[in-house]
Protein backbone atom coordinates (compact mmCIF):
# COMPACT_ATOMS: atom_id res chain seq x y z
CA MET A 1 -22.17 -83.26 7.18
CA HIS A 2 -19.92 -80.40 8.91
CA PHE A 3 -22.26 -77.50 8.35
CA PRO A 4 -22.96 -76.80 12.15
CA LYS A 5 -19.31 -76.93 13.30
CA THR A 6 -18.11 -74.15 10.51
CA ILE A 7 -20.96 -72.26 11.66
CA SER A 8 -19.98 -72.28 15.36
CA VAL A 9 -16.26 -71.80 14.39
CA VAL A 10 -17.47 -68.43 12.64
CA ALA A 11 -19.69 -67.19 15.13
CA ILE A 12 -16.64 -67.93 17.95
CA SER A 13 -14.55 -66.20 15.84
CA ALA A 14 -16.77 -63.23 15.38
CA MET A 15 -17.57 -63.07 18.71
CA ILE A 16 -13.60 -62.99 19.67
CA ALA A 17 -13.32 -60.12 17.33
CA GLY A 18 -15.73 -58.16 19.24
CA CYS A 19 -14.34 -58.72 22.25
CA THR A 20 -10.95 -57.52 21.21
CA SER A 21 -12.41 -54.23 19.33
CA THR A 22 -10.88 -51.11 21.35
CA GLY A 23 -14.08 -49.42 20.74
CA GLU A 24 -11.94 -45.76 19.68
CA VAL A 25 -14.42 -42.95 17.99
CA ARG A 26 -13.03 -41.58 14.63
CA GLN A 27 -13.92 -38.46 13.37
CA PRO A 28 -13.63 -38.43 9.54
CA ALA A 29 -11.22 -36.22 7.84
CA GLY A 30 -12.42 -32.74 7.51
CA PRO A 31 -11.60 -29.05 8.32
CA GLU A 32 -10.51 -27.94 11.48
CA THR A 33 -9.97 -24.49 13.12
CA VAL A 34 -5.89 -24.38 14.00
CA GLU A 35 -4.37 -21.27 16.46
CA PRO A 36 -3.65 -17.89 14.27
CA GLU A 37 0.01 -18.61 15.33
CA LYS A 38 -0.18 -21.64 12.51
CA ALA A 39 -1.65 -20.00 9.71
CA LEU A 40 0.65 -20.58 6.72
CA VAL A 41 0.20 -16.68 5.31
CA LEU A 42 0.60 -13.87 7.53
CA PRO A 43 -1.07 -9.92 6.82
CA PRO A 44 1.70 -7.28 7.27
CA PRO A 45 2.50 -5.94 10.92
CA GLY A 46 -0.42 -3.52 11.21
CA GLY A 47 -2.51 -5.30 8.76
CA PRO A 48 -6.02 -6.62 9.36
CA SER A 49 -5.87 -8.96 12.22
CA ILE A 50 -6.31 -12.59 12.06
CA VAL A 51 -9.99 -13.60 12.91
CA SER A 52 -9.53 -17.63 12.82
CA VAL A 53 -7.37 -20.20 10.58
CA ILE A 54 -9.59 -23.03 9.24
CA GLU A 55 -7.60 -25.92 7.82
CA ARG A 56 -7.82 -28.58 5.10
CA LYS A 57 -5.81 -31.59 4.60
CA ARG A 58 -5.50 -32.86 1.05
CA GLY A 59 -3.82 -35.94 0.00
CA ASN A 60 -1.05 -33.54 -1.85
CA GLY A 61 -1.07 -30.48 0.66
CA VAL A 62 -2.95 -28.27 2.72
CA GLU A 63 -5.32 -25.59 2.56
CA GLN A 64 -5.70 -22.90 4.90
CA THR A 65 -8.63 -20.10 4.83
CA ILE A 66 -7.35 -17.35 7.14
CA SER A 67 -10.30 -14.77 7.91
CA LEU A 68 -9.36 -11.27 8.44
CA PHE A 69 -10.99 -8.64 10.31
CA THR A 70 -13.35 -6.85 8.15
CA SER A 71 -15.13 -3.04 8.49
CA SER A 72 -17.08 -2.79 5.22
CA SER A 73 -21.06 -3.50 4.29
CA VAL A 74 -20.43 -5.65 1.52
CA PRO A 75 -21.24 -8.99 2.05
CA GLY A 76 -18.41 -11.44 3.12
CA GLN A 77 -15.54 -11.94 4.88
CA ASN A 78 -12.07 -10.76 4.41
CA PHE A 79 -9.72 -13.34 3.91
CA LEU A 80 -6.26 -14.80 2.79
CA LYS A 81 -6.20 -18.22 0.90
CA ALA A 82 -3.29 -20.27 0.86
CA GLN A 83 -2.80 -23.69 -1.21
CA PHE A 84 0.15 -25.72 -0.52
CA LEU A 85 0.07 -28.39 -3.33
CA GLY A 86 3.01 -30.91 -3.90
CA ALA A 87 3.66 -32.68 -0.88
CA SER A 88 2.39 -36.34 -0.93
CA GLY A 89 1.49 -38.55 1.29
CA VAL A 90 0.06 -35.65 4.21
CA ASN A 91 -3.33 -37.27 4.16
CA SER A 92 -3.93 -40.13 2.18
CA GLY A 93 -7.55 -40.66 3.04
CA ALA A 94 -8.62 -36.91 1.75
CA SER A 95 -9.32 -36.06 -2.05
CA SER A 96 -6.05 -34.29 -3.68
CA ASP A 97 -6.12 -30.80 -5.84
CA SER A 98 -4.94 -31.02 -9.47
CA TYR A 99 -2.31 -28.12 -10.63
CA ARG A 100 -4.25 -25.87 -11.97
CA MET A 101 -3.01 -22.90 -13.79
CA ILE A 102 -4.52 -19.68 -13.38
CA ARG A 103 -7.39 -18.76 -15.81
CA GLN A 104 -9.06 -15.60 -16.18
CA GLY A 105 -12.57 -17.55 -16.20
CA ASP A 106 -11.61 -19.08 -13.18
CA ILE A 107 -10.80 -15.82 -11.27
CA ALA A 108 -13.91 -14.19 -12.46
CA ARG A 109 -16.02 -16.69 -10.83
CA GLU A 110 -13.91 -16.36 -7.72
CA MET A 111 -14.27 -12.91 -7.56
CA ALA A 112 -18.21 -13.14 -8.14
CA ARG A 113 -18.46 -15.53 -5.02
CA SER A 114 -15.94 -13.30 -2.76
CA VAL A 115 -16.74 -9.84 -3.57
CA PRO A 116 -20.79 -9.93 -4.47
CA GLY A 117 -22.53 -7.42 -5.68
CA VAL A 118 -19.33 -4.95 -6.48
CA PRO A 119 -18.02 -4.37 -10.14
CA MET A 120 -14.53 -5.35 -10.09
CA ALA A 121 -11.98 -4.39 -12.73
CA THR A 122 -8.71 -6.24 -13.25
CA SER A 123 -6.06 -4.45 -13.29
CA ALA A 124 -3.31 -4.67 -16.74
CA THR A 125 -0.07 -3.34 -15.14
CA PHE A 126 2.44 -5.85 -14.07
CA LEU A 127 3.08 -5.94 -10.23
CA GLN A 128 5.35 -7.88 -8.66
CA ASN A 129 5.93 -8.42 -4.75
CA SER A 130 8.58 -10.70 -3.08
CA TYR A 131 7.27 -13.82 -4.05
CA GLY A 132 7.28 -12.63 -7.75
CA PRO A 133 4.72 -11.35 -9.79
CA PHE A 134 0.79 -11.28 -8.96
CA GLY A 135 -2.57 -9.89 -10.17
CA TYR A 136 -5.50 -8.06 -9.07
CA ALA A 137 -8.62 -6.40 -9.74
CA SER A 138 -10.51 -3.73 -7.95
CA GLY A 139 -13.69 -1.96 -7.20
CA ARG A 140 -16.20 0.37 -5.17
CA SER A 141 -19.27 -0.93 -3.90
CA ARG A 142 -22.34 1.41 -3.80
CA ALA A 143 -22.04 2.82 -0.31
CA GLY A 144 -18.49 3.71 -1.32
CA ASP A 145 -16.48 0.87 0.11
CA SER A 146 -12.71 -0.19 -1.72
CA CYS A 147 -12.24 -3.51 -2.67
CA ILE A 148 -9.61 -5.81 -3.91
CA TYR A 149 -9.22 -9.12 -4.93
CA ALA A 150 -5.64 -10.54 -5.75
CA TRP A 151 -4.02 -13.84 -6.67
CA GLN A 152 -0.59 -15.07 -6.90
CA GLN A 153 0.83 -18.35 -7.58
CA ILE A 154 4.17 -19.12 -6.42
CA ARG A 155 6.12 -21.88 -8.57
CA SER A 156 9.32 -22.26 -9.87
CA SER A 157 10.37 -22.06 -13.20
CA GLN A 158 10.45 -25.13 -15.78
CA SER A 159 14.25 -24.68 -16.52
CA ALA A 160 14.42 -25.54 -12.69
CA GLN A 161 11.55 -28.50 -12.51
CA THR A 162 13.84 -30.47 -15.15
CA GLN A 163 16.05 -31.44 -12.67
CA ALA A 164 13.51 -33.41 -10.88
CA ARG A 165 12.91 -30.96 -8.15
CA ASN A 166 11.38 -28.01 -6.98
CA PHE A 167 7.42 -29.32 -7.80
CA GLY A 168 6.03 -27.58 -5.06
CA MET A 169 3.30 -24.91 -5.65
CA ILE A 170 1.77 -22.41 -3.74
CA GLN A 171 -1.72 -20.51 -4.19
CA ILE A 172 -2.93 -17.34 -2.70
CA ARG A 173 -5.94 -15.68 -2.84
CA LEU A 174 -6.58 -12.53 -0.89
CA ARG A 175 -10.14 -10.89 -0.22
CA LEU A 176 -10.36 -7.13 1.23
CA CYS A 177 -12.95 -5.09 1.37
CA ASP A 178 -12.68 -1.39 3.53
CA ALA A 179 -15.09 1.18 4.30
CA ARG A 180 -12.11 3.57 5.31
CA ALA A 181 -8.84 2.67 3.26
CA THR A 182 -7.92 3.47 -0.30
CA GLU A 183 -7.55 1.17 -3.23
CA ARG A 184 -3.87 1.79 -2.89
CA GLN A 185 -3.73 0.89 1.24
CA LEU A 186 -5.22 -2.16 0.12
CA LEU A 187 -2.71 -3.22 -2.47
CA GLY A 188 0.08 -2.56 0.19
CA ILE A 189 -1.37 -5.83 1.58
CA VAL A 190 -0.20 -7.71 -1.41
CA TYR A 191 3.14 -6.24 -0.68
CA GLY A 192 3.78 -7.28 2.76
CA TYR A 193 1.81 -10.55 3.42
CA THR A 194 4.77 -13.42 4.57
CA VAL A 195 4.36 -17.18 3.77
CA THR A 196 5.60 -18.76 6.93
CA GLY A 197 4.66 -22.28 5.61
CA THR A 198 7.44 -24.57 3.70
CA PHE A 199 7.40 -28.07 2.38
CA ASP A 200 9.22 -31.32 3.90
CA GLY A 201 12.12 -32.02 1.44
CA ASP A 202 13.62 -29.80 -1.80
CA ILE A 203 11.97 -31.94 -4.19
CA TRP A 204 9.06 -29.72 -3.37
CA ASN A 205 10.45 -26.37 -3.05
CA PRO A 206 8.05 -23.94 -4.93
CA TYR A 207 10.49 -20.97 -5.00
CA GLY A 208 13.39 -22.81 -7.32
CA ALA A 209 17.02 -21.82 -6.75
CA PRO A 210 17.93 -18.47 -5.01
CA PRO A 211 19.06 -15.60 -7.10
CA PRO A 212 22.40 -14.79 -7.46
CA ALA A 213 23.89 -11.63 -6.02
CA ASN A 214 23.39 -8.47 -7.40
CA PRO A 215 26.30 -8.36 -10.28
CA ALA A 216 27.21 -4.11 -9.05
CA LEU A 217 27.93 -5.27 -6.06
CA GLY A 218 31.80 -4.50 -5.14
CA GLN A 219 32.31 -3.39 -8.62
CA THR A 220 33.25 0.71 -9.54
CA GLY A 221 30.93 3.19 -11.02
CA ALA A 222 27.94 1.17 -9.22
CA PRO A 223 27.10 3.62 -5.81
CA ILE A 224 25.05 1.94 -4.03
CA TYR A 225 22.76 4.61 -1.43
CA PRO A 226 21.41 3.97 1.66
CA ASP A 227 17.55 5.42 1.19
CA GLU A 228 14.98 2.91 -0.41
CA GLY A 229 15.37 1.55 -3.72
CA GLY A 230 19.11 0.79 -3.37
CA TYR A 231 21.05 1.41 -6.68
CA ARG A 232 19.33 4.25 -8.47
CA PRO A 233 21.84 6.47 -10.84
CA ASN A 234 21.52 10.45 -9.68
CA SER A 235 19.36 9.60 -6.84
CA MET A 236 21.04 11.71 -4.03
CA PRO A 237 22.69 15.52 -4.46
CA ILE A 238 26.42 15.19 -4.62
CA GLY A 239 28.37 17.90 -2.06
CA TYR A 240 27.31 19.13 1.66
CA GLU A 241 25.07 21.69 2.52
CA PRO A 242 24.91 22.49 6.90
CA ALA A 243 21.35 22.47 8.00
CA PRO A 244 19.96 25.54 8.76
CA ALA A 245 19.85 26.73 12.52
CA VAL A 246 16.57 25.61 14.16
CA ARG A 247 15.18 28.25 16.22
CA GLN A 248 13.29 27.37 19.19
CA PRO A 249 10.51 30.06 19.75
CA GLY A 250 9.93 28.78 23.20
CA THR A 251 13.34 28.92 24.42
CA VAL A 252 13.41 32.32 23.22
CA ALA A 253 10.35 33.78 24.79
CA VAL A 254 12.12 32.40 28.21
CA ARG A 255 15.32 34.26 27.85
CA ARG A 256 13.49 37.54 26.73
CA ALA A 257 11.28 37.35 30.05
CA ARG A 258 14.33 36.05 32.20
CA THR A 259 16.39 39.31 31.02
CA GLN A 260 13.95 42.17 31.12
CA PRO A 261 14.28 43.53 34.82
CA PRO A 262 10.95 43.91 36.89
CA SER A 263 8.60 47.22 36.45
CA ALA A 264 10.21 49.17 39.35
CA ALA A 265 7.34 51.03 41.63
CA PRO A 266 7.84 54.51 41.98
CA VAL A 267 9.72 55.99 44.78
CA LEU A 268 7.90 58.59 46.83
CA GLN A 269 9.85 61.65 47.86
CA PRO A 270 9.50 62.93 51.24
CA PRO A 271 7.62 66.37 51.24
CA VAL A 272 10.40 69.02 51.03
CA GLY A 273 9.28 72.36 53.37
CA PRO A 274 11.37 74.86 55.25
CA ARG A 275 14.06 73.64 57.46
CA VAL A 276 14.55 75.70 60.94
CA PRO A 277 18.33 76.24 61.32
CA LEU A 278 20.18 75.07 64.29
CA PRO A 279 22.35 77.72 66.03
CA ASN A 280 25.43 76.12 64.86
CA ASP A 281 24.48 75.89 61.17
CA ASP A 282 26.28 77.86 58.53
CA ILE A 283 23.75 80.50 57.10
CA HIS A 284 25.60 80.51 53.99
CA THR A 285 25.13 76.53 53.37
CA ASN A 286 21.41 76.90 54.06
CA ALA A 287 20.47 79.64 51.83
CA ILE A 288 22.51 77.91 48.65
CA GLU A 289 20.81 74.59 49.49
CA SER A 290 17.23 76.38 49.77
CA SER A 291 17.86 78.07 46.24
CA ALA A 292 18.49 74.61 44.64
CA GLU A 293 15.76 73.18 42.24
CA THR A 294 16.34 69.66 43.51
CA PRO A 295 16.03 69.10 46.92
CA ALA A 296 19.38 67.43 47.92
CA PRO A 297 18.90 64.90 50.90
CA ILE A 298 19.04 66.54 54.12
CA GLN A 299 22.24 65.93 56.09
CA GLN A 300 22.05 66.54 59.72
CA PRO A 301 25.75 68.62 60.14
CA ALA A 302 28.02 66.93 62.56
CA ARG A 303 28.26 68.66 66.22
CA PRO A 304 31.03 68.80 68.19
CA ILE A 305 31.61 66.71 71.05
CA GLY A 306 30.78 68.98 74.19
CA ALA A 307 28.54 71.32 72.30
CA THR A 308 25.18 72.57 74.06
CA VAL A 309 22.10 73.87 72.70
CA PRO A 310 21.05 76.98 74.45
CA SER A 311 17.90 77.03 76.10
CA PRO A 312 15.27 79.28 74.55
CA ASP A 313 14.78 81.09 78.15
CA CYS A 314 18.58 82.40 77.93
CA ILE A 315 18.44 84.04 74.23
CA GLY A 316 17.06 87.78 73.57
CA ASP A 317 18.41 90.03 77.06
CA ALA A 318 22.01 90.40 77.04
CA ALA A 319 21.95 90.15 80.55
CA MET A 320 20.01 86.81 80.89
CA THR A 321 22.46 85.62 78.15
CA ALA A 322 25.26 86.82 80.39
CA ALA A 323 23.50 85.00 83.50
CA CYS A 324 22.87 81.63 81.27
CA GLN A 325 26.63 81.59 80.22
CA LYS A 326 27.87 81.25 84.06
């Protein structure tokens, strides 16, 4: 019997295999946190900021839950959820998501989980953003918070898929509740988000062939205006009317203040009294000046060079006057 030798060979082989094992620790495939810069869908500039991004790799694509800033009393977190389906071989060990079209029952269950306790009403208006048609429902909580839940499926048309290409698909869900925003403001996030993720290979292109250029380009009778909306008939008045002059009240006030003269202080006139005439003054002139209603400024008459004023002792007696003149 050769059984003992066989058992020993098996044991030796197991020991050799154990010695050659690297002992590497493996983590099972599951959700992982990635940087906000790697988000496959970004909110618009100025929109709710990204709090975290949880990524899960599937066998046929990638799924991300992008948590957004939340300011609401409604339970739950605002989020953008994106599923990129069609890129086979991303993670062969993970489960694959099937191609499921959007159904009203599935959307109702999603809203019940995402926006609990808020009655939501689905909008019947056809809406479309840069990536195609989308739907949404809105509601208001008991505390007055506005909420919307939007859904969109980005996929090429059936005619484009018949050419053995454009088989990829992107599913997007958006949950937003805010205590201060209106429904209109929340709906603007659906028009403003940007899909940054792409598929590797043209076969998984979810957008289809690029649309042709506007046939109105370069044609006569189709004006294109510079304002928002592009080609809109009768959207701009014809003719030119100059704009009215813009007055600046501050400048006018400053100019007026500069042109007004400062208030002048009253000029004090010296008191006018009787003036003693000098011997050489003209008596007639002094009489006219004294009789004037408005006194004129006092002006000293020019004295001739060499003239002397007589002393008071020489006035009165003729003999004394003659003696003083010698």
